[in-house]
């Protein structure tokens, strides 16, 4: 006689939920907030330089 093991998708989902809950509980919100602020400032600075570079490139390109 052969024994078959069935995996239930509910068990997988509950394991994933439990793992996510544990990781979320250990999350440092102050560090995350500080990182988000730094990322937003860095992204803004990058966007300004990118737009300025595109504008300068278009100004220096010879008109046809």
PDB file of N, CA and C in Angstrom:
ATOM      1  N   UNK A   1       0.842  -1.174   0.000  1.00  0.00           N
ATOM      2  CA  UNK A   1       0.000   0.000   0.000  1.00  0.00           C
ATOM      3  C   UNK A   1       0.895   1.248   0.000  1.00  0.00           C
ATOM      4  N   UNK A   2       0.538   2.214  -0.827  1.00  0.00           N
ATOM      5  CA  UNK A   2       1.329   3.428  -0.990  1.00  0.00           C
ATOM      6  C   UNK A   2       0.682   4.575  -0.213  1.00  0.00           C
ATOM      7  N   UNK A   3       1.495   5.299   0.521  1.00  0.00           N
ATOM      8  CA  UNK A   3       1.004   6.441   1.301  1.00  0.00           C
ATOM      9  C   UNK A   3       1.247   7.710   0.507  1.00  0.00           C
ATOM     10  N   UNK A   4       0.225   8.503   0.333  1.00  0.00           N
ATOM     11  CA  UNK A   4       0.341   9.768  -0.383  1.00  0.00           C
ATOM     12  C   UNK A   4       0.173  10.910   0.600  1.00  0.00           C
ATOM     13  N   UNK A   5       1.052  11.875   0.491  1.00  0.00           N
ATOM     14  CA  UNK A   5       0.977  13.058   1.356  1.00  0.00           C
ATOM     15  C   UNK A   5       0.360  14.177   0.546  1.00  0.00           C
ATOM     16  N   UNK A   6      -0.696  14.743   1.071  1.00  0.00           N
ATOM     17  CA  UNK A   6      -1.350  15.853   0.391  1.00  0.00           C
ATOM     18  C   UNK A   6      -0.961  17.157   1.080  1.00  0.00           C
ATOM     19  N   UNK A   7      -0.592  18.125   0.275  1.00  0.00           N
ATOM     20  CA  UNK A   7      -0.312  19.445   0.837  1.00  0.00           C
ATOM     21  C   UNK A   7      -1.520  20.317   0.591  1.00  0.00           C
ATOM     22  N   UNK A   8      -1.904  21.004   1.579  1.00  0.00           N
ATOM     23  CA  UNK A   8      -3.080  21.855   1.505  1.00  0.00           C
ATOM     24  C   UNK A   8      -2.627  23.295   1.271  1.00  0.00           C
ATOM     25  N   UNK A   9      -3.233  23.981   0.326  1.00  0.00           N
ATOM     26  CA  UNK A   9      -2.841  25.355   0.029  1.00  0.00           C
ATOM     27  C   UNK A   9      -3.127  26.291   1.199  1.00  0.00           C
ATOM     28  N   UNK A  10      -4.070  25.929   2.054  1.00  0.00           N
ATOM     29  CA  UNK A  10      -4.364  26.750   3.228  1.00  0.00           C
ATOM     30  C   UNK A  10      -3.181  26.725   4.179  1.00  0.00           C
ATOM     31  N   UNK A  11      -2.536  25.571   4.323  1.00  0.00           N
ATOM     32  CA  UNK A  11      -1.368  25.467   5.189  1.00  0.00           C
ATOM     33  C   UNK A  11      -0.223  26.337   4.675  1.00  0.00           C
ATOM     34  N   UNK A  12      -0.013  26.325   3.370  1.00  0.00           N
ATOM     35  CA  UNK A  12       1.043  27.156   2.789  1.00  0.00           C
ATOM     36  C   UNK A  12       0.744  28.635   3.001  1.00  0.00           C
ATOM     37  N   UNK A  13      -0.512  29.021   2.816  1.00  0.00           N
ATOM     38  CA  UNK A  13      -0.888  30.419   3.002  1.00  0.00           C
ATOM     39  C   UNK A  13      -0.755  30.859   4.441  1.00  0.00           C
ATOM     40  N   UNK A  14      -1.126  29.982   5.371  1.00  0.00           N
ATOM     41  CA  UNK A  14      -1.016  30.349   6.776  1.00  0.00           C
ATOM     42  C   UNK A  14       0.445  30.425   7.204  1.00  0.00           C
ATOM     43  N   UNK A  15       1.297  29.542   6.649  1.00  0.00           N
ATOM     44  CA  UNK A  15       2.730  29.617   6.955  1.00  0.00           C
ATOM     45  C   UNK A  15       3.334  30.910   6.426  1.00  0.00           C
ATOM     46  N   UNK A  16       2.942  31.300   5.238  1.00  0.00           N
ATOM     47  CA  UNK A  16       3.437  32.542   4.660  1.00  0.00           C
ATOM     48  C   UNK A  16       2.948  33.740   5.466  1.00  0.00           C
ATOM     49  N   UNK A  17       1.687  33.709   5.881  1.00  0.00           N
ATOM     50  CA  UNK A  17       1.135  34.795   6.696  1.00  0.00           C
ATOM     51  C   UNK A  17       1.861  34.885   8.033  1.00  0.00           C
ATOM     52  N   UNK A  18       2.131  33.746   8.659  1.00  0.00           N
ATOM     53  CA  UNK A  18       2.824  33.728   9.938  1.00  0.00           C
ATOM     54  C   UNK A  18       4.241  34.272   9.801  1.00  0.00           C
ATOM     55  N   UNK A  19       4.936  33.868   8.756  1.00  0.00           N
ATOM     56  CA  UNK A  19       6.289  34.369   8.511  1.00  0.00           C
ATOM     57  C   UNK A  19       6.268  35.876   8.283  1.00  0.00           C
ATOM     58  N   UNK A  20       5.317  36.354   7.479  1.00  0.00           N
ATOM     59  CA  UNK A  20       5.205  37.794   7.234  1.00  0.00           C
ATOM     60  C   UNK A  20       4.884  38.564   8.496  1.00  0.00           C
ATOM     61  N   UNK A  21       4.012  38.000   9.336  1.00  0.00           N
ATOM     62  CA  UNK A  21       3.651  38.668  10.588  1.00  0.00           C
ATOM     63  C   UNK A  21       4.848  38.775  11.519  1.00  0.00           C
ATOM     64  N   UNK A  22       5.653  37.727  11.569  1.00  0.00           N
ATOM     65  CA  UNK A  22       6.847  37.758  12.422  1.00  0.00           C
ATOM     66  C   UNK A  22       7.841  38.790  11.907  1.00  0.00           C
ATOM     67  N   UNK A  23       8.073  38.812  10.601  1.00  0.00           N
ATOM     68  CA  UNK A  23       9.005  39.798  10.040  1.00  0.00           C
ATOM     69  C   UNK A  23       8.485  41.214  10.217  1.00  0.00           C
ATOM     70  N   UNK A  24       7.179  41.413  10.043  1.00  0.00           N
ATOM     71  CA  UNK A  24       6.591  42.743  10.205  1.00  0.00           C
ATOM     72  C   UNK A  24       6.669  43.205  11.654  1.00  0.00           C
ATOM     73  N   UNK A  25       6.544  42.280  12.594  1.00  0.00           N
ATOM     74  CA  UNK A  25       6.600  42.635  14.013  1.00  0.00           C
ATOM     75  C   UNK A  25       8.003  43.084  14.411  1.00  0.00           C
ATOM     76  N   UNK A  26       9.008  42.552  13.736  1.00  0.00           N
ATOM     77  CA  UNK A  26      10.390  42.912  14.066  1.00  0.00           C
ATOM     78  C   UNK A  26      10.900  44.100  13.266  1.00  0.00           C
ATOM     79  N   UNK A  27      10.063  44.738  12.508  1.00  0.00           N
ATOM     80  CA  UNK A  27      10.469  45.846  11.655  1.00  0.00           C
ATOM     81  C   UNK A  27      10.700  47.092  12.485  1.00  0.00           C
ATOM     82  N   UNK A  28      11.781  47.788  12.213  1.00  0.00           N
ATOM     83  CA  UNK A  28      12.107  49.022  12.916  1.00  0.00           C
ATOM     84  C   UNK A  28      11.515  50.187  12.126  1.00  0.00           C
ATOM     85  N   UNK A  29      10.417  50.733  12.626  1.00  0.00           N
ATOM     86  CA  UNK A  29       9.707  51.771  11.885  1.00  0.00           C
ATOM     87  C   UNK A  29      10.477  53.082  11.840  1.00  0.00           C
ATOM     88  N   UNK A  30      11.258  53.395  12.874  1.00  0.00           N
ATOM     89  CA  UNK A  30      12.022  54.651  12.855  1.00  0.00           C
ATOM     90  C   UNK A  30      13.101  54.582  11.783  1.00  0.00           C
ATOM     91  N   UNK A  31      13.751  53.440  11.663  1.00  0.00           N
ATOM     92  CA  UNK A  31      14.757  53.285  10.616  1.00  0.00           C
ATOM     93  C   UNK A  31      14.133  53.303   9.233  1.00  0.00           C
ATOM     94  N   UNK A  32      12.957  52.711   9.114  1.00  0.00           N
ATOM     95  CA  UNK A  32      12.263  52.685   7.834  1.00  0.00           C
ATOM     96  C   UNK A  32      11.822  54.091   7.425  1.00  0.00           C
ATOM     97  N   UNK A  33      11.344  54.856   8.396  1.00  0.00           N
ATOM     98  CA  UNK A  33      10.923  56.236   8.117  1.00  0.00           C
ATOM     99  C   UNK A  33      12.120  57.083   7.697  1.00  0.00           C
ATOM    100  N   UNK A  34      13.232  56.918   8.384  1.00  0.00           N
ATOM    101  CA  UNK A  34      14.441  57.671   8.039  1.00  0.00           C
ATOM    102  C   UNK A  34      14.932  57.301   6.643  1.00  0.00           C
ATOM    103  N   UNK A  35      14.892  56.013   6.322  1.00  0.00           N
ATOM    104  CA  UNK A  35      15.304  55.561   4.996  1.00  0.00           C
ATOM    105  C   UNK A  35      14.386  56.130   3.910  1.00  0.00           C
ATOM    106  N   UNK A  36      13.086  56.155   4.176  1.00  0.00           N
ATOM    107  CA  UNK A  36      12.138  56.681   3.196  1.00  0.00           C
ATOM    108  C   UNK A  36      12.385  58.162   2.929  1.00  0.00           C
ATOM    109  N   UNK A  37      12.683  58.909   3.977  1.00  0.00           N
ATOM    110  CA  UNK A  37      12.974  60.340   3.805  1.00  0.00           C
ATOM    111  C   UNK A  37      14.242  60.526   2.986  1.00  0.00           C
ATOM    112  N   UNK A  38      15.290  59.762   3.310  1.00  0.00           N
ATOM    113  CA  UNK A  38      16.542  59.872   2.557  1.00  0.00           C
ATOM    114  C   UNK A  38      16.348  59.462   1.097  1.00  0.00           C
ATOM    115  N   UNK A  39      15.546  58.414   0.866  1.00  0.00           N
ATOM    116  CA  UNK A  39      15.298  57.960  -0.500  1.00  0.00           C
ATOM    117  C   UNK A  39      14.519  59.012  -1.290  1.00  0.00           C
ATOM    118  N   UNK A  40      13.553  59.659  -0.649  1.00  0.00           N
ATOM    119  CA  UNK A  40      12.772  60.700  -1.333  1.00  0.00           C
ATOM    120  C   UNK A  40      13.656  61.897  -1.676  1.00  0.00           C
ATOM    121  N   UNK A  41      14.505  62.301  -0.748  1.00  0.00           N
ATOM    122  CA  UNK A  41      15.411  63.433  -1.015  1.00  0.00           C
ATOM    123  C   UNK A  41      16.397  63.071  -2.118  1.00  0.00           C
ATOM    124  N   UNK A  42      16.961  61.874  -2.046  1.00  0.00           N
ATOM    125  CA  UNK A  42      17.895  61.430  -3.081  1.00  0.00           C
ATOM    126  C   UNK A  42      17.235  61.322  -4.443  1.00  0.00           C
ATOM    127  N   UNK A  43      16.008  60.829  -4.470  1.00  0.00           N
ATOM    128  CA  UNK A  43      15.273  60.734  -5.730  1.00  0.00           C
ATOM    129  C   UNK A  43      14.966  62.098  -6.325  1.00  0.00           C
ATOM    130  N   UNK A  44      14.648  63.040  -5.460  1.00  0.00           N
ATOM    131  CA  UNK A  44      14.384  64.410  -5.926  1.00  0.00           C
ATOM    132  C   UNK A  44      15.640  65.036  -6.517  1.00  0.00           C
ATOM    133  N   UNK A  45      16.761  64.863  -5.830  1.00  0.00           N
ATOM    134  CA  UNK A  45      18.024  65.412  -6.342  1.00  0.00           C
ATOM    135  C   UNK A  45      18.375  64.766  -7.679  1.00  0.00           C
ATOM    136  N   UNK A  46      18.214  63.446  -7.788  1.00  0.00           N
ATOM    137  CA  UNK A  46      18.502  62.757  -9.043  1.00  0.00           C
ATOM    138  C   UNK A  46      17.607  63.284 -10.160  1.00  0.00           C
ATOM    139  N   UNK A  47      16.313  63.489  -9.866  1.00  0.00           N
ATOM    140  CA  UNK A  47      15.381  63.962 -10.884  1.00  0.00           C
ATOM    141  C   UNK A  47      15.756  65.359 -11.365  1.00  0.00           C
ATOM    142  N   UNK A  48      16.176  66.231 -10.450  1.00  0.00           N
ATOM    143  CA  UNK A  48      16.584  67.586 -10.834  1.00  0.00           C
ATOM    144  C   UNK A  48      17.791  67.529 -11.766  1.00  0.00           C
ATOM    145  N   UNK A  49      18.796  66.727 -11.415  1.00  0.00           N
ATOM    146  CA  UNK A  49      19.967  66.613 -12.283  1.00  0.00           C
ATOM    147  C   UNK A  49      19.609  65.997 -13.629  1.00  0.00           C
ATOM    148  N   UNK A  50      18.727  65.019 -13.641  1.00  0.00           N
ATOM    149  CA  UNK A  50      18.320  64.374 -14.899  1.00  0.00           C
ATOM    150  C   UNK A  50      17.597  65.371 -15.803  1.00  0.00           C
ATOM    151  N   UNK A  51      16.659  66.126 -15.236  1.00  0.00           N
ATOM    152  CA  UNK A  51      15.931  67.115 -16.034  1.00  0.00           C
ATOM    153  C   UNK A  51      16.849  68.229 -16.520  1.00  0.00           C
ATOM    154  N   UNK A  52      17.783  68.662 -15.665  1.00  0.00           N
ATOM    155  CA  UNK A  52      18.733  69.699 -16.070  1.00  0.00           C
ATOM    156  C   UNK A  52      19.630  69.179 -17.190  1.00  0.00           C
ATOM    157  N   UNK A  53      20.086  67.945 -17.089  1.00  0.00           N
ATOM    158  CA  UNK A  53      20.913  67.361 -18.139  1.00  0.00           C
ATOM    159  C   UNK A  53      20.163  67.237 -19.457  1.00  0.00           C
ATOM    160  N   UNK A  54      18.906  66.828 -19.401  1.00  0.00           N
ATOM    161  CA  UNK A  54      18.094  66.741 -20.624  1.00  0.00           C
ATOM    162  C   UNK A  54      17.874  68.116 -21.237  1.00  0.00           C
ATOM    163  N   UNK A  55      17.636  69.102 -20.390  1.00  0.00           N
ATOM    164  CA  UNK A  55      17.407  70.464 -20.887  1.00  0.00           C
ATOM    165  C   UNK A  55      18.672  71.011 -21.548  1.00  0.00           C
ATOM    166  N   UNK A  56      19.823  70.797 -20.911  1.00  0.00           N
ATOM    167  CA  UNK A  56      21.094  71.277 -21.483  1.00  0.00           C
ATOM    168  C   UNK A  56      21.398  70.550 -22.784  1.00  0.00           C
ATOM    169  N   UNK A  57      21.140  69.258 -22.837  1.00  0.00           N
ATOM    170  CA  UNK A  57      21.368  68.486 -24.061  1.00  0.00           C
ATOM    171  C   UNK A  57      20.507  69.011 -25.203  1.00  0.00           C
ATOM    172  N   UNK A  58      19.250  69.319 -24.919  1.00  0.00           N
ATOM    173  CA  UNK A  58      18.355  69.843 -25.958  1.00  0.00           C
ATOM    174  C   UNK A  58      18.776  71.244 -26.391  1.00  0.00           C
ATOM    175  N   UNK A  59      19.307  72.052 -25.483  1.00  0.00           N
ATOM    176  CA  UNK A  59      19.754  73.398 -25.843  1.00  0.00           C
ATOM    177  C   UNK A  59      21.001  73.349 -26.715  1.00  0.00           C
ATOM    178  N   UNK A  60      21.906  72.399 -26.448  1.00  0.00           N
ATOM    179  CA  UNK A  60      23.154  72.322 -27.187  1.00  0.00           C
ATOM    180  C   UNK A  60      23.040  71.549 -28.495  1.00  0.00           C
ATOM    181  N   UNK A  61      21.955  70.806 -28.669  1.00  0.00           N
ATOM    182  CA  UNK A  61      21.782  70.023 -29.891  1.00  0.00           C
ATOM    183  C   UNK A  61      21.542  70.969 -31.061  1.00  0.00           C
ATOM    184  N   UNK A  62      22.253  70.758 -32.173  1.00  0.00           N
ATOM    185  CA  UNK A  62      22.032  71.643 -33.331  1.00  0.00           C
ATOM    186  C   UNK A  62      20.615  71.485 -33.890  1.00  0.00           C
ATOM    187  N   UNK A  63      20.017  72.615 -34.221  1.00  0.00           N
ATOM    188  CA  UNK A  63      18.656  72.600 -34.760  1.00  0.00           C
ATOM    189  C   UNK A  63      18.702  72.210 -36.227  1.00  0.00           C
ATOM    190  N   UNK A  64      17.724  71.394 -36.631  1.00  0.00           N
ATOM    191  CA  UNK A  64      17.680  70.937 -38.020  1.00  0.00           C
ATOM    192  C   UNK A  64      16.601  71.630 -38.790  1.00  0.00           C
TER     193      UNK A  64
END
